[in-house]
Amino acid sequence: MASSDATLAGFLESGRSIRVGILLFPEVEVLDFAGPFEVFSVAARMARRRRPEAPPAFEVATVAVRAEPVAARHGLQVLPRYGFADAPRFDLLIVPGGVVTQPLQDPVTLQWVAHAAAAATLTASVCTGAFVLARLGLLDGRTVTTHWEDIEDLRTAFPALRVVDSVPFVDEGALLTSAGISAGIVMSLHLVGRILGEDLARATARQMQYDWEPQPR
């Protein structure tokens, strides 16, 4: 088990949940944030069945500039649990994609993501969320991926990255990037398996009726 995974698993042994924070912003792709939200929420429920005396394995929350409705892709209105001002420190930060114009151009959002990633044990992006992490220099020199449609744009915009395609996600230890939309579910199940074991990840996928097999790191 990697040291980061041991750290997160240790939180449960010490009596507290692993805090998962998922960024929201205007035009965020719905499944980019909802897929991971579902995976970690269901994983917490499956873990509770096995150890009802333990704290929930994952405490999942959404966060945006303010705790006010955010218009996601296709007009879906989402109410984040936290605004930046009152968000707790997250152990696992997830930056979804979509139309990332607002987060890339908003200094407040970029500053919060930078601070949240520095405080987190693990940071992951889904789809074009990789552009946000790359904009902050968090992916420099790393192997990464994004939505197939945005591979060349990511390579051009950030030549310091090794951008690969045709993979569901890239696991670089404390930093992960996934391909587009539903690939965030695959990556999230992978993280459940990394942190709390493949059996729980399989139980989570089965509960979600999602066809999943572990991917090599």
N, C-alpha and C. Protein backbone atom coordinates (compact mmCIF):
# COMPACT_ATOMS: atom_id res chain seq x y z
N MET A 1 0.85 -1.19 0.00
CA MET A 1 0.00 0.00 0.00
C MET A 1 0.89 1.25 0.00
N ALA A 2 0.61 2.19 -0.89
CA ALA A 2 1.36 3.43 -0.94
C ALA A 2 1.17 4.21 0.35
N SER A 3 2.14 5.08 0.66
CA SER A 3 2.05 5.84 1.90
C SER A 3 0.81 6.72 1.94
N SER A 4 0.42 7.30 0.78
CA SER A 4 -0.77 8.13 0.74
C SER A 4 -2.02 7.32 1.05
N ASP A 5 -2.08 6.10 0.53
CA ASP A 5 -3.23 5.23 0.80
C ASP A 5 -3.27 4.83 2.27
N ALA A 6 -2.11 4.53 2.82
CA ALA A 6 -2.04 4.17 4.23
C ALA A 6 -2.48 5.33 5.11
N THR A 7 -2.11 6.54 4.70
CA THR A 7 -2.52 7.73 5.45
C THR A 7 -4.03 7.85 5.48
N LEU A 8 -4.65 7.69 4.32
CA LEU A 8 -6.11 7.82 4.25
C LEU A 8 -6.80 6.69 5.01
N ALA A 9 -6.35 5.47 4.82
CA ALA A 9 -6.94 4.35 5.56
C ALA A 9 -6.77 4.54 7.05
N GLY A 10 -5.67 5.17 7.45
CA GLY A 10 -5.42 5.41 8.87
C GLY A 10 -6.42 6.36 9.49
N PHE A 11 -7.00 7.26 8.69
CA PHE A 11 -8.01 8.16 9.23
C PHE A 11 -9.19 7.36 9.79
N LEU A 12 -9.58 6.31 9.07
CA LEU A 12 -10.70 5.48 9.54
C LEU A 12 -10.36 4.79 10.85
N GLU A 13 -9.13 4.31 10.94
CA GLU A 13 -8.73 3.64 12.17
C GLU A 13 -8.70 4.61 13.35
N SER A 14 -8.47 5.88 13.05
CA SER A 14 -8.44 6.88 14.12
C SER A 14 -9.83 7.43 14.43
N GLY A 15 -10.84 6.96 13.68
CA GLY A 15 -12.22 7.32 14.02
C GLY A 15 -12.83 8.45 13.22
N ARG A 16 -12.25 8.78 12.07
CA ARG A 16 -12.89 9.80 11.23
C ARG A 16 -12.93 9.37 9.77
N SER A 17 -13.87 9.96 9.05
CA SER A 17 -14.06 9.63 7.65
C SER A 17 -12.98 10.27 6.78
N ILE A 18 -12.79 9.70 5.59
CA ILE A 18 -11.94 10.30 4.57
C ILE A 18 -12.78 11.36 3.86
N ARG A 19 -12.33 12.60 3.89
CA ARG A 19 -13.11 13.71 3.33
C ARG A 19 -12.79 13.88 1.84
N VAL A 20 -13.83 13.74 1.02
CA VAL A 20 -13.69 13.89 -0.44
C VAL A 20 -14.37 15.19 -0.85
N GLY A 21 -13.61 16.07 -1.48
CA GLY A 21 -14.17 17.33 -1.96
C GLY A 21 -14.19 17.36 -3.47
N ILE A 22 -15.33 17.72 -4.04
CA ILE A 22 -15.50 17.77 -5.49
C ILE A 22 -15.85 19.19 -5.90
N LEU A 23 -15.00 19.78 -6.73
CA LEU A 23 -15.19 21.16 -7.17
C LEU A 23 -16.37 21.27 -8.13
N LEU A 24 -17.15 22.32 -7.97
CA LEU A 24 -18.20 22.67 -8.92
C LEU A 24 -17.92 24.07 -9.49
N PHE A 25 -18.33 24.27 -10.73
CA PHE A 25 -18.17 25.57 -11.38
C PHE A 25 -19.17 25.65 -12.53
N PRO A 26 -19.45 26.82 -13.06
CA PRO A 26 -20.40 26.95 -14.16
C PRO A 26 -19.99 26.08 -15.36
N GLU A 27 -20.95 25.34 -15.89
CA GLU A 27 -20.76 24.46 -17.04
C GLU A 27 -19.90 23.23 -16.73
N VAL A 28 -19.86 22.84 -15.45
CA VAL A 28 -19.18 21.59 -15.11
C VAL A 28 -19.97 20.43 -15.72
N GLU A 29 -19.26 19.43 -16.23
CA GLU A 29 -19.91 18.26 -16.83
C GLU A 29 -20.58 17.44 -15.73
N VAL A 30 -21.85 17.09 -15.93
CA VAL A 30 -22.64 16.48 -14.86
C VAL A 30 -22.02 15.17 -14.37
N LEU A 31 -21.72 14.25 -15.27
CA LEU A 31 -21.21 12.96 -14.83
C LEU A 31 -19.78 13.07 -14.31
N ASP A 32 -19.06 14.11 -14.70
CA ASP A 32 -17.70 14.31 -14.18
C ASP A 32 -17.70 14.43 -12.66
N PHE A 33 -18.70 15.15 -12.12
CA PHE A 33 -18.75 15.28 -10.66
C PHE A 33 -19.71 14.27 -10.03
N ALA A 34 -20.79 13.95 -10.73
CA ALA A 34 -21.78 13.04 -10.15
C ALA A 34 -21.28 11.60 -10.10
N GLY A 35 -20.46 11.19 -11.10
CA GLY A 35 -19.92 9.84 -11.09
C GLY A 35 -19.06 9.57 -9.87
N PRO A 36 -18.01 10.37 -9.62
CA PRO A 36 -17.22 10.19 -8.41
C PRO A 36 -18.05 10.36 -7.13
N PHE A 37 -18.98 11.31 -7.12
CA PHE A 37 -19.83 11.49 -5.94
C PHE A 37 -20.56 10.19 -5.62
N GLU A 38 -21.10 9.55 -6.65
CA GLU A 38 -21.83 8.30 -6.45
C GLU A 38 -20.90 7.19 -5.98
N VAL A 39 -19.74 7.06 -6.61
CA VAL A 39 -18.82 5.98 -6.26
C VAL A 39 -18.43 6.05 -4.79
N PHE A 40 -17.95 7.20 -4.34
CA PHE A 40 -17.48 7.30 -2.96
C PHE A 40 -18.62 7.23 -1.96
N SER A 41 -19.80 7.71 -2.33
CA SER A 41 -20.96 7.62 -1.45
C SER A 41 -21.42 6.18 -1.31
N VAL A 42 -21.48 5.45 -2.42
CA VAL A 42 -21.89 4.05 -2.37
C VAL A 42 -20.83 3.22 -1.65
N ALA A 43 -19.56 3.52 -1.89
CA ALA A 43 -18.49 2.80 -1.19
C ALA A 43 -18.62 2.97 0.32
N ALA A 44 -18.99 4.16 0.77
CA ALA A 44 -19.19 4.38 2.20
C ALA A 44 -20.34 3.51 2.72
N ARG A 45 -21.39 3.39 1.91
CA ARG A 45 -22.52 2.56 2.33
C ARG A 45 -22.15 1.09 2.38
N MET A 46 -21.38 0.63 1.39
CA MET A 46 -20.95 -0.77 1.38
C MET A 46 -20.00 -1.07 2.54
N ALA A 47 -19.12 -0.13 2.84
CA ALA A 47 -18.20 -0.32 3.97
C ALA A 47 -18.96 -0.36 5.29
N ARG A 48 -20.01 0.45 5.38
CA ARG A 48 -20.80 0.49 6.63
C ARG A 48 -21.50 -0.84 6.88
N ARG A 49 -21.87 -1.51 5.82
CA ARG A 49 -22.50 -2.82 5.98
C ARG A 49 -21.54 -3.82 6.61
N ARG A 50 -20.26 -3.68 6.29
CA ARG A 50 -19.25 -4.60 6.80
C ARG A 50 -18.81 -4.24 8.22
N ARG A 51 -18.74 -2.93 8.47
CA ARG A 51 -18.30 -2.47 9.78
C ARG A 51 -19.25 -1.38 10.26
N PRO A 52 -20.43 -1.76 10.74
CA PRO A 52 -21.42 -0.75 11.13
C PRO A 52 -20.97 0.13 12.29
N GLU A 53 -19.99 -0.34 13.04
CA GLU A 53 -19.53 0.45 14.19
C GLU A 53 -18.53 1.53 13.79
N ALA A 54 -17.99 1.43 12.57
CA ALA A 54 -16.96 2.36 12.12
C ALA A 54 -17.59 3.64 11.56
N PRO A 55 -16.82 4.73 11.50
CA PRO A 55 -17.33 5.94 10.86
C PRO A 55 -17.52 5.70 9.38
N PRO A 56 -18.35 6.49 8.69
CA PRO A 56 -18.47 6.32 7.24
C PRO A 56 -17.09 6.39 6.59
N ALA A 57 -16.84 5.49 5.66
CA ALA A 57 -15.51 5.44 5.04
C ALA A 57 -15.19 6.75 4.33
N PHE A 58 -16.16 7.29 3.63
CA PHE A 58 -15.97 8.53 2.89
C PHE A 58 -17.07 9.52 3.24
N GLU A 59 -16.69 10.76 3.41
CA GLU A 59 -17.64 11.85 3.57
C GLU A 59 -17.47 12.74 2.34
N VAL A 60 -18.46 12.75 1.47
CA VAL A 60 -18.33 13.38 0.16
C VAL A 60 -19.08 14.70 0.14
N ALA A 61 -18.44 15.75 -0.36
CA ALA A 61 -19.07 17.06 -0.41
C ALA A 61 -18.66 17.79 -1.69
N THR A 62 -19.57 18.63 -2.16
CA THR A 62 -19.27 19.51 -3.30
C THR A 62 -18.94 20.90 -2.77
N VAL A 63 -18.11 21.61 -3.54
CA VAL A 63 -17.68 22.94 -3.10
C VAL A 63 -17.55 23.84 -4.33
N ALA A 64 -17.94 25.09 -4.16
CA ALA A 64 -17.86 26.08 -5.25
C ALA A 64 -17.45 27.42 -4.66
N VAL A 65 -17.32 28.41 -5.50
CA VAL A 65 -16.92 29.74 -5.02
C VAL A 65 -17.80 30.17 -3.85
N ARG A 66 -19.09 30.01 -4.01
CA ARG A 66 -20.04 30.30 -2.94
C ARG A 66 -21.04 29.15 -2.83
N ALA A 67 -21.65 29.01 -1.68
CA ALA A 67 -22.65 27.96 -1.47
C ALA A 67 -23.99 28.41 -2.05
N GLU A 68 -23.97 28.62 -3.35
CA GLU A 68 -25.15 29.05 -4.09
C GLU A 68 -25.29 28.16 -5.32
N PRO A 69 -26.50 28.06 -5.89
CA PRO A 69 -26.69 27.18 -7.05
C PRO A 69 -25.71 27.46 -8.17
N VAL A 70 -25.20 26.38 -8.74
CA VAL A 70 -24.27 26.43 -9.87
C VAL A 70 -24.97 25.80 -11.06
N ALA A 71 -24.90 26.43 -12.21
CA ALA A 71 -25.51 25.89 -13.43
C ALA A 71 -24.49 24.98 -14.12
N ALA A 72 -24.71 23.68 -14.02
CA ALA A 72 -23.85 22.70 -14.68
C ALA A 72 -24.22 22.60 -16.16
N ARG A 73 -23.55 21.69 -16.88
CA ARG A 73 -23.88 21.50 -18.29
C ARG A 73 -25.35 21.14 -18.46
N HIS A 74 -25.91 21.58 -19.57
CA HIS A 74 -27.29 21.26 -19.94
C HIS A 74 -28.32 21.85 -18.98
N GLY A 75 -27.90 22.86 -18.19
CA GLY A 75 -28.85 23.59 -17.37
C GLY A 75 -29.16 23.00 -16.01
N LEU A 76 -28.49 21.92 -15.62
CA LEU A 76 -28.75 21.34 -14.31
C LEU A 76 -28.27 22.28 -13.21
N GLN A 77 -29.16 22.62 -12.29
CA GLN A 77 -28.81 23.47 -11.15
C GLN A 77 -28.37 22.60 -9.98
N VAL A 78 -27.18 22.90 -9.46
CA VAL A 78 -26.61 22.11 -8.37
C VAL A 78 -26.27 23.04 -7.21
N LEU A 79 -26.64 22.63 -6.00
CA LEU A 79 -26.34 23.43 -4.82
C LEU A 79 -25.14 22.82 -4.11
N PRO A 80 -23.99 23.48 -4.14
CA PRO A 80 -22.81 22.95 -3.45
C PRO A 80 -23.01 22.97 -1.94
N ARG A 81 -22.37 22.03 -1.28
CA ARG A 81 -22.49 21.98 0.18
C ARG A 81 -21.70 23.12 0.83
N TYR A 82 -20.56 23.44 0.23
CA TYR A 82 -19.69 24.47 0.81
C TYR A 82 -19.34 25.54 -0.22
N GLY A 83 -19.10 26.74 0.26
CA GLY A 83 -18.37 27.73 -0.49
C GLY A 83 -16.91 27.66 -0.09
N PHE A 84 -16.05 28.31 -0.87
CA PHE A 84 -14.63 28.27 -0.54
C PHE A 84 -14.34 28.75 0.87
N ALA A 85 -15.09 29.75 1.33
CA ALA A 85 -14.79 30.39 2.61
C ALA A 85 -15.00 29.45 3.79
N ASP A 86 -15.94 28.51 3.68
CA ASP A 86 -16.23 27.64 4.82
C ASP A 86 -15.94 26.17 4.55
N ALA A 87 -15.26 25.87 3.44
CA ALA A 87 -14.96 24.47 3.12
C ALA A 87 -13.89 23.93 4.07
N PRO A 88 -14.03 22.68 4.50
CA PRO A 88 -13.00 22.09 5.34
C PRO A 88 -11.80 21.66 4.49
N ARG A 89 -10.76 21.19 5.14
CA ARG A 89 -9.64 20.59 4.40
C ARG A 89 -10.10 19.23 3.90
N PHE A 90 -9.87 18.97 2.62
CA PHE A 90 -10.25 17.68 2.03
C PHE A 90 -9.03 16.78 1.93
N ASP A 91 -9.25 15.49 2.17
CA ASP A 91 -8.18 14.50 2.04
C ASP A 91 -7.98 14.09 0.59
N LEU A 92 -9.08 14.06 -0.15
CA LEU A 92 -9.07 13.72 -1.57
C LEU A 92 -9.82 14.81 -2.32
N LEU A 93 -9.11 15.49 -3.20
CA LEU A 93 -9.70 16.58 -4.00
C LEU A 93 -9.92 16.09 -5.42
N ILE A 94 -11.13 16.31 -5.93
CA ILE A 94 -11.46 15.93 -7.30
C ILE A 94 -11.86 17.18 -8.08
N VAL A 95 -11.16 17.40 -9.19
CA VAL A 95 -11.45 18.55 -10.06
C VAL A 95 -12.06 18.00 -11.35
N PRO A 96 -13.37 18.14 -11.52
CA PRO A 96 -14.01 17.64 -12.73
C PRO A 96 -13.79 18.58 -13.90
N GLY A 97 -14.28 18.15 -15.07
CA GLY A 97 -14.14 18.96 -16.27
C GLY A 97 -15.47 19.48 -16.76
N GLY A 98 -15.52 19.70 -18.05
CA GLY A 98 -16.67 20.34 -18.67
C GLY A 98 -16.13 21.52 -19.46
N VAL A 99 -16.85 22.62 -19.46
CA VAL A 99 -16.34 23.86 -20.02
C VAL A 99 -15.56 24.55 -18.90
N VAL A 100 -14.25 24.51 -18.97
CA VAL A 100 -13.44 24.96 -17.83
C VAL A 100 -13.00 26.43 -17.96
N THR A 101 -13.72 27.21 -18.75
CA THR A 101 -13.38 28.62 -18.92
C THR A 101 -13.38 29.36 -17.59
N GLN A 102 -14.43 29.18 -16.80
CA GLN A 102 -14.52 29.93 -15.55
C GLN A 102 -13.39 29.59 -14.59
N PRO A 103 -13.13 28.32 -14.27
CA PRO A 103 -12.04 28.07 -13.32
C PRO A 103 -10.67 28.48 -13.84
N LEU A 104 -10.45 28.39 -15.15
CA LEU A 104 -9.15 28.76 -15.69
C LEU A 104 -8.93 30.27 -15.67
N GLN A 105 -10.01 31.05 -15.68
CA GLN A 105 -9.88 32.50 -15.74
C GLN A 105 -10.17 33.19 -14.41
N ASP A 106 -10.53 32.40 -13.40
CA ASP A 106 -10.91 32.99 -12.11
C ASP A 106 -9.80 32.80 -11.09
N PRO A 107 -9.09 33.86 -10.72
CA PRO A 107 -7.99 33.73 -9.76
C PRO A 107 -8.43 33.14 -8.42
N VAL A 108 -9.65 33.45 -8.00
CA VAL A 108 -10.14 32.93 -6.72
C VAL A 108 -10.25 31.41 -6.76
N THR A 109 -10.80 30.89 -7.85
CA THR A 109 -10.93 29.44 -7.99
C THR A 109 -9.56 28.79 -8.09
N LEU A 110 -8.68 29.35 -8.89
CA LEU A 110 -7.34 28.78 -9.04
C LEU A 110 -6.60 28.77 -7.71
N GLN A 111 -6.72 29.85 -6.97
CA GLN A 111 -6.03 29.91 -5.67
C GLN A 111 -6.59 28.86 -4.72
N TRP A 112 -7.91 28.69 -4.71
CA TRP A 112 -8.50 27.70 -3.81
C TRP A 112 -8.07 26.29 -4.20
N VAL A 113 -8.09 25.98 -5.49
CA VAL A 113 -7.67 24.65 -5.92
C VAL A 113 -6.21 24.40 -5.55
N ALA A 114 -5.36 25.39 -5.74
CA ALA A 114 -3.96 25.24 -5.38
C ALA A 114 -3.80 24.94 -3.90
N HIS A 115 -4.50 25.68 -3.05
CA HIS A 115 -4.40 25.46 -1.61
C HIS A 115 -5.01 24.13 -1.20
N ALA A 116 -6.16 23.79 -1.80
CA ALA A 116 -6.82 22.53 -1.46
C ALA A 116 -5.99 21.33 -1.88
N ALA A 117 -5.35 21.41 -3.06
CA ALA A 117 -4.50 20.32 -3.53
C ALA A 117 -3.27 20.17 -2.65
N ALA A 118 -2.71 21.30 -2.20
CA ALA A 118 -1.53 21.24 -1.33
C ALA A 118 -1.86 20.58 0.00
N ALA A 119 -3.09 20.78 0.48
CA ALA A 119 -3.50 20.22 1.76
C ALA A 119 -3.98 18.78 1.65
N ALA A 120 -4.38 18.35 0.45
CA ALA A 120 -4.95 17.02 0.26
C ALA A 120 -3.86 15.96 0.18
N THR A 121 -4.23 14.74 0.55
CA THR A 121 -3.32 13.61 0.39
C THR A 121 -3.31 13.13 -1.05
N LEU A 122 -4.47 13.17 -1.70
CA LEU A 122 -4.61 12.78 -3.11
C LEU A 122 -5.38 13.86 -3.85
N THR A 123 -4.99 14.11 -5.09
CA THR A 123 -5.70 15.03 -5.97
C THR A 123 -5.93 14.34 -7.31
N ALA A 124 -7.14 14.48 -7.84
CA ALA A 124 -7.48 13.82 -9.10
C ALA A 124 -8.31 14.75 -9.96
N SER A 125 -8.14 14.62 -11.28
CA SER A 125 -8.98 15.36 -12.21
C SER A 125 -9.77 14.39 -13.07
N VAL A 126 -10.90 14.85 -13.54
CA VAL A 126 -11.72 14.11 -14.48
C VAL A 126 -11.82 14.93 -15.76
N CYS A 127 -11.58 14.29 -16.91
CA CYS A 127 -11.80 14.95 -18.19
C CYS A 127 -10.95 16.23 -18.30
N THR A 128 -11.54 17.33 -18.68
CA THR A 128 -10.80 18.58 -18.87
C THR A 128 -10.44 19.26 -17.56
N GLY A 129 -10.78 18.65 -16.44
CA GLY A 129 -10.26 19.15 -15.17
C GLY A 129 -8.75 19.13 -15.14
N ALA A 130 -8.13 18.31 -16.00
CA ALA A 130 -6.67 18.29 -16.09
C ALA A 130 -6.10 19.65 -16.49
N PHE A 131 -6.85 20.42 -17.27
CA PHE A 131 -6.37 21.74 -17.67
C PHE A 131 -6.22 22.65 -16.44
N VAL A 132 -7.10 22.49 -15.47
CA VAL A 132 -7.02 23.32 -14.26
C VAL A 132 -5.77 22.96 -13.46
N LEU A 133 -5.54 21.66 -13.25
CA LEU A 133 -4.35 21.23 -12.52
C LEU A 133 -3.08 21.62 -13.28
N ALA A 134 -3.13 21.49 -14.60
CA ALA A 134 -1.96 21.86 -15.40
C ALA A 134 -1.70 23.36 -15.33
N ARG A 135 -2.75 24.15 -15.35
CA ARG A 135 -2.61 25.62 -15.26
C ARG A 135 -1.88 26.01 -13.99
N LEU A 136 -2.04 25.23 -12.93
CA LEU A 136 -1.39 25.51 -11.65
C LEU A 136 0.00 24.91 -11.55
N GLY A 137 0.43 24.20 -12.60
CA GLY A 137 1.74 23.58 -12.58
C GLY A 137 1.81 22.28 -11.81
N LEU A 138 0.66 21.75 -11.39
CA LEU A 138 0.65 20.54 -10.57
C LEU A 138 0.97 19.28 -11.36
N LEU A 139 0.86 19.36 -12.68
CA LEU A 139 1.09 18.18 -13.52
C LEU A 139 2.40 18.23 -14.28
N ASP A 140 3.20 19.24 -14.07
CA ASP A 140 4.44 19.38 -14.83
C ASP A 140 5.33 18.14 -14.69
N GLY A 141 5.79 17.65 -15.85
CA GLY A 141 6.68 16.50 -15.86
C GLY A 141 5.99 15.17 -15.65
N ARG A 142 4.68 15.17 -15.53
CA ARG A 142 3.94 13.94 -15.25
C ARG A 142 3.28 13.38 -16.51
N THR A 143 2.94 12.12 -16.45
CA THR A 143 2.12 11.49 -17.47
C THR A 143 0.66 11.69 -17.10
N VAL A 144 -0.14 12.18 -18.04
CA VAL A 144 -1.52 12.55 -17.74
C VAL A 144 -2.42 12.16 -18.91
N THR A 145 -3.72 12.28 -18.68
CA THR A 145 -4.69 12.08 -19.77
C THR A 145 -5.87 13.01 -19.57
N THR A 146 -6.73 13.04 -20.56
CA THR A 146 -7.94 13.85 -20.50
C THR A 146 -8.93 13.26 -21.53
N HIS A 147 -10.03 13.95 -21.77
CA HIS A 147 -11.00 13.52 -22.77
C HIS A 147 -10.31 13.40 -24.13
N TRP A 148 -10.65 12.38 -24.89
CA TRP A 148 -9.98 12.14 -26.17
C TRP A 148 -10.04 13.36 -27.10
N GLU A 149 -11.11 14.11 -27.00
CA GLU A 149 -11.29 15.26 -27.88
C GLU A 149 -10.34 16.40 -27.53
N ASP A 150 -9.78 16.37 -26.32
CA ASP A 150 -8.97 17.48 -25.83
C ASP A 150 -7.50 17.12 -25.67
N ILE A 151 -7.12 15.91 -26.12
CA ILE A 151 -5.74 15.45 -25.98
C ILE A 151 -4.75 16.42 -26.64
N GLU A 152 -4.99 16.75 -27.89
CA GLU A 152 -4.05 17.60 -28.61
C GLU A 152 -3.99 19.01 -28.03
N ASP A 153 -5.14 19.52 -27.58
CA ASP A 153 -5.14 20.85 -26.96
C ASP A 153 -4.32 20.84 -25.68
N LEU A 154 -4.41 19.77 -24.90
CA LEU A 154 -3.64 19.69 -23.66
C LEU A 154 -2.15 19.62 -23.97
N ARG A 155 -1.79 18.85 -24.98
CA ARG A 155 -0.38 18.75 -25.38
C ARG A 155 0.17 20.10 -25.83
N THR A 156 -0.63 20.81 -26.61
CA THR A 156 -0.18 22.10 -27.13
C THR A 156 -0.06 23.14 -26.04
N ALA A 157 -1.06 23.18 -25.17
CA ALA A 157 -1.10 24.22 -24.13
C ALA A 157 -0.06 23.99 -23.05
N PHE A 158 0.27 22.71 -22.78
CA PHE A 158 1.16 22.39 -21.67
C PHE A 158 2.21 21.38 -22.13
N PRO A 159 3.22 21.84 -22.86
CA PRO A 159 4.22 20.93 -23.42
C PRO A 159 5.07 20.22 -22.36
N ALA A 160 5.02 20.67 -21.12
CA ALA A 160 5.78 20.00 -20.06
C ALA A 160 5.13 18.69 -19.61
N LEU A 161 3.95 18.40 -20.11
CA LEU A 161 3.23 17.18 -19.73
C LEU A 161 3.47 16.06 -20.74
N ARG A 162 3.43 14.83 -20.28
CA ARG A 162 3.41 13.66 -21.16
C ARG A 162 1.95 13.21 -21.26
N VAL A 163 1.28 13.63 -22.32
CA VAL A 163 -0.15 13.38 -22.46
C VAL A 163 -0.37 12.10 -23.25
N VAL A 164 -1.10 11.16 -22.67
CA VAL A 164 -1.36 9.88 -23.32
C VAL A 164 -2.86 9.75 -23.57
N ASP A 165 -3.19 8.95 -24.58
CA ASP A 165 -4.61 8.72 -24.87
C ASP A 165 -4.90 7.22 -24.80
N SER A 166 -6.16 6.88 -25.02
CA SER A 166 -6.62 5.49 -25.05
C SER A 166 -6.43 4.77 -23.73
N VAL A 167 -6.46 5.52 -22.63
CA VAL A 167 -6.44 4.92 -21.29
C VAL A 167 -7.57 5.55 -20.48
N PRO A 168 -8.18 4.80 -19.55
CA PRO A 168 -9.25 5.40 -18.76
C PRO A 168 -8.75 6.40 -17.73
N PHE A 169 -7.54 6.18 -17.21
CA PHE A 169 -6.96 7.10 -16.24
C PHE A 169 -5.46 6.84 -16.17
N VAL A 170 -4.77 7.80 -15.56
CA VAL A 170 -3.34 7.64 -15.28
C VAL A 170 -3.15 7.86 -13.78
N ASP A 171 -2.53 6.88 -13.12
CA ASP A 171 -2.28 6.94 -11.69
C ASP A 171 -0.81 7.25 -11.47
N GLU A 172 -0.56 8.44 -10.94
CA GLU A 172 0.81 8.84 -10.63
C GLU A 172 1.01 8.98 -9.12
N GLY A 173 0.33 8.13 -8.38
CA GLY A 173 0.49 8.15 -6.93
C GLY A 173 -0.43 9.14 -6.28
N ALA A 174 0.12 10.29 -5.90
CA ALA A 174 -0.68 11.30 -5.22
C ALA A 174 -1.50 12.16 -6.19
N LEU A 175 -1.25 12.00 -7.49
CA LEU A 175 -1.98 12.74 -8.52
C LEU A 175 -2.50 11.78 -9.58
N LEU A 176 -3.79 11.90 -9.89
CA LEU A 176 -4.39 11.06 -10.92
C LEU A 176 -5.15 11.94 -11.89
N THR A 177 -5.19 11.52 -13.15
CA THR A 177 -6.01 12.18 -14.16
C THR A 177 -6.80 11.11 -14.89
N SER A 178 -8.04 11.43 -15.24
CA SER A 178 -8.83 10.44 -15.98
C SER A 178 -9.23 11.00 -17.33
N ALA A 179 -9.63 10.10 -18.19
CA ALA A 179 -10.18 10.48 -19.48
C ALA A 179 -11.58 11.07 -19.25
N GLY A 180 -12.40 11.11 -20.29
CA GLY A 180 -13.63 11.88 -20.22
C GLY A 180 -14.80 11.22 -19.52
N ILE A 181 -15.53 12.03 -18.80
CA ILE A 181 -16.89 11.79 -18.31
C ILE A 181 -17.00 10.48 -17.54
N SER A 182 -17.43 9.38 -18.15
CA SER A 182 -17.62 8.14 -17.40
C SER A 182 -16.32 7.54 -16.91
N ALA A 183 -15.18 7.95 -17.48
CA ALA A 183 -13.89 7.46 -17.00
C ALA A 183 -13.64 7.88 -15.56
N GLY A 184 -14.29 8.94 -15.12
CA GLY A 184 -14.16 9.35 -13.72
C GLY A 184 -14.70 8.30 -12.77
N ILE A 185 -15.68 7.53 -13.21
CA ILE A 185 -16.21 6.44 -12.39
C ILE A 185 -15.16 5.36 -12.25
N VAL A 186 -14.51 5.01 -13.36
CA VAL A 186 -13.47 3.98 -13.34
C VAL A 186 -12.34 4.41 -12.41
N MET A 187 -11.89 5.65 -12.53
CA MET A 187 -10.82 6.15 -11.67
C MET A 187 -11.23 6.13 -10.21
N SER A 188 -12.46 6.52 -9.92
CA SER A 188 -12.92 6.56 -8.53
C SER A 188 -13.00 5.16 -7.93
N LEU A 189 -13.47 4.19 -8.70
CA LEU A 189 -13.48 2.81 -8.22
C LEU A 189 -12.05 2.33 -7.97
N HIS A 190 -11.14 2.71 -8.84
CA HIS A 190 -9.74 2.38 -8.66
C HIS A 190 -9.22 2.96 -7.34
N LEU A 191 -9.59 4.18 -7.04
CA LEU A 191 -9.15 4.80 -5.80
C LEU A 191 -9.74 4.11 -4.57
N VAL A 192 -11.01 3.73 -4.66
CA VAL A 192 -11.60 2.96 -3.56
C VAL A 192 -10.79 1.69 -3.32
N GLY A 193 -10.44 1.01 -4.42
CA GLY A 193 -9.64 -0.20 -4.30
C GLY A 193 -8.26 0.06 -3.73
N ARG A 194 -7.63 1.15 -4.15
CA ARG A 194 -6.31 1.50 -3.64
C ARG A 194 -6.34 1.73 -2.14
N ILE A 195 -7.34 2.48 -1.70
CA ILE A 195 -7.36 2.94 -0.31
C ILE A 195 -7.91 1.87 0.63
N LEU A 196 -9.00 1.21 0.24
CA LEU A 196 -9.69 0.31 1.17
C LEU A 196 -9.83 -1.12 0.64
N GLY A 197 -9.21 -1.42 -0.48
CA GLY A 197 -9.18 -2.80 -0.95
C GLY A 197 -10.09 -3.08 -2.13
N GLU A 198 -9.62 -4.00 -2.97
CA GLU A 198 -10.34 -4.33 -4.19
C GLU A 198 -11.72 -4.93 -3.90
N ASP A 199 -11.86 -5.66 -2.80
CA ASP A 199 -13.15 -6.25 -2.48
C ASP A 199 -14.23 -5.19 -2.32
N LEU A 200 -13.88 -4.09 -1.63
CA LEU A 200 -14.86 -3.02 -1.45
C LEU A 200 -15.15 -2.33 -2.78
N ALA A 201 -14.13 -2.16 -3.62
CA ALA A 201 -14.35 -1.54 -4.93
C ALA A 201 -15.28 -2.41 -5.76
N ARG A 202 -15.07 -3.72 -5.72
CA ARG A 202 -15.95 -4.62 -6.48
C ARG A 202 -17.38 -4.58 -5.93
N ALA A 203 -17.52 -4.54 -4.62
CA ALA A 203 -18.86 -4.47 -4.03
C ALA A 203 -19.55 -3.16 -4.41
N THR A 204 -18.78 -2.09 -4.47
CA THR A 204 -19.33 -0.80 -4.86
C THR A 204 -19.80 -0.83 -6.32
N ALA A 205 -18.96 -1.36 -7.20
CA ALA A 205 -19.33 -1.45 -8.62
C ALA A 205 -20.57 -2.33 -8.80
N ARG A 206 -20.62 -3.43 -8.06
CA ARG A 206 -21.78 -4.32 -8.18
C ARG A 206 -23.05 -3.62 -7.70
N GLN A 207 -22.96 -2.89 -6.60
CA GLN A 207 -24.12 -2.16 -6.10
C GLN A 207 -24.60 -1.13 -7.11
N MET A 208 -23.65 -0.52 -7.81
CA MET A 208 -23.98 0.48 -8.83
C MET A 208 -24.39 -0.17 -10.15
N GLN A 209 -24.28 -1.50 -10.23
CA GLN A 209 -24.50 -2.25 -11.46
C GLN A 209 -23.63 -1.67 -12.59
N TYR A 210 -22.35 -1.52 -12.25
CA TYR A 210 -21.37 -0.98 -13.18
C TYR A 210 -20.35 -2.06 -13.48
N ASP A 211 -20.11 -2.30 -14.77
CA ASP A 211 -19.18 -3.34 -15.19
C ASP A 211 -17.76 -2.81 -15.03
N TRP A 212 -17.05 -3.33 -14.02
CA TRP A 212 -15.73 -2.78 -13.68
C TRP A 212 -14.73 -3.89 -13.42
N GLU A 213 -13.54 -3.70 -13.92
CA GLU A 213 -12.41 -4.57 -13.61
C GLU A 213 -11.23 -3.70 -13.23
N PRO A 214 -10.44 -4.11 -12.24
CA PRO A 214 -9.28 -3.30 -11.83
C PRO A 214 -8.33 -3.08 -13.00
N GLN A 215 -7.76 -1.88 -13.02
CA GLN A 215 -6.76 -1.53 -14.03
C GLN A 215 -5.39 -1.52 -13.36
N PRO A 216 -4.35 -1.97 -14.06
CA PRO A 216 -3.02 -1.90 -13.48
C PRO A 216 -2.59 -0.47 -13.29
N ARG A 217 -1.80 -0.20 -12.24
CA ARG A 217 -1.31 1.14 -11.98
C ARG A 217 -0.20 1.48 -12.96
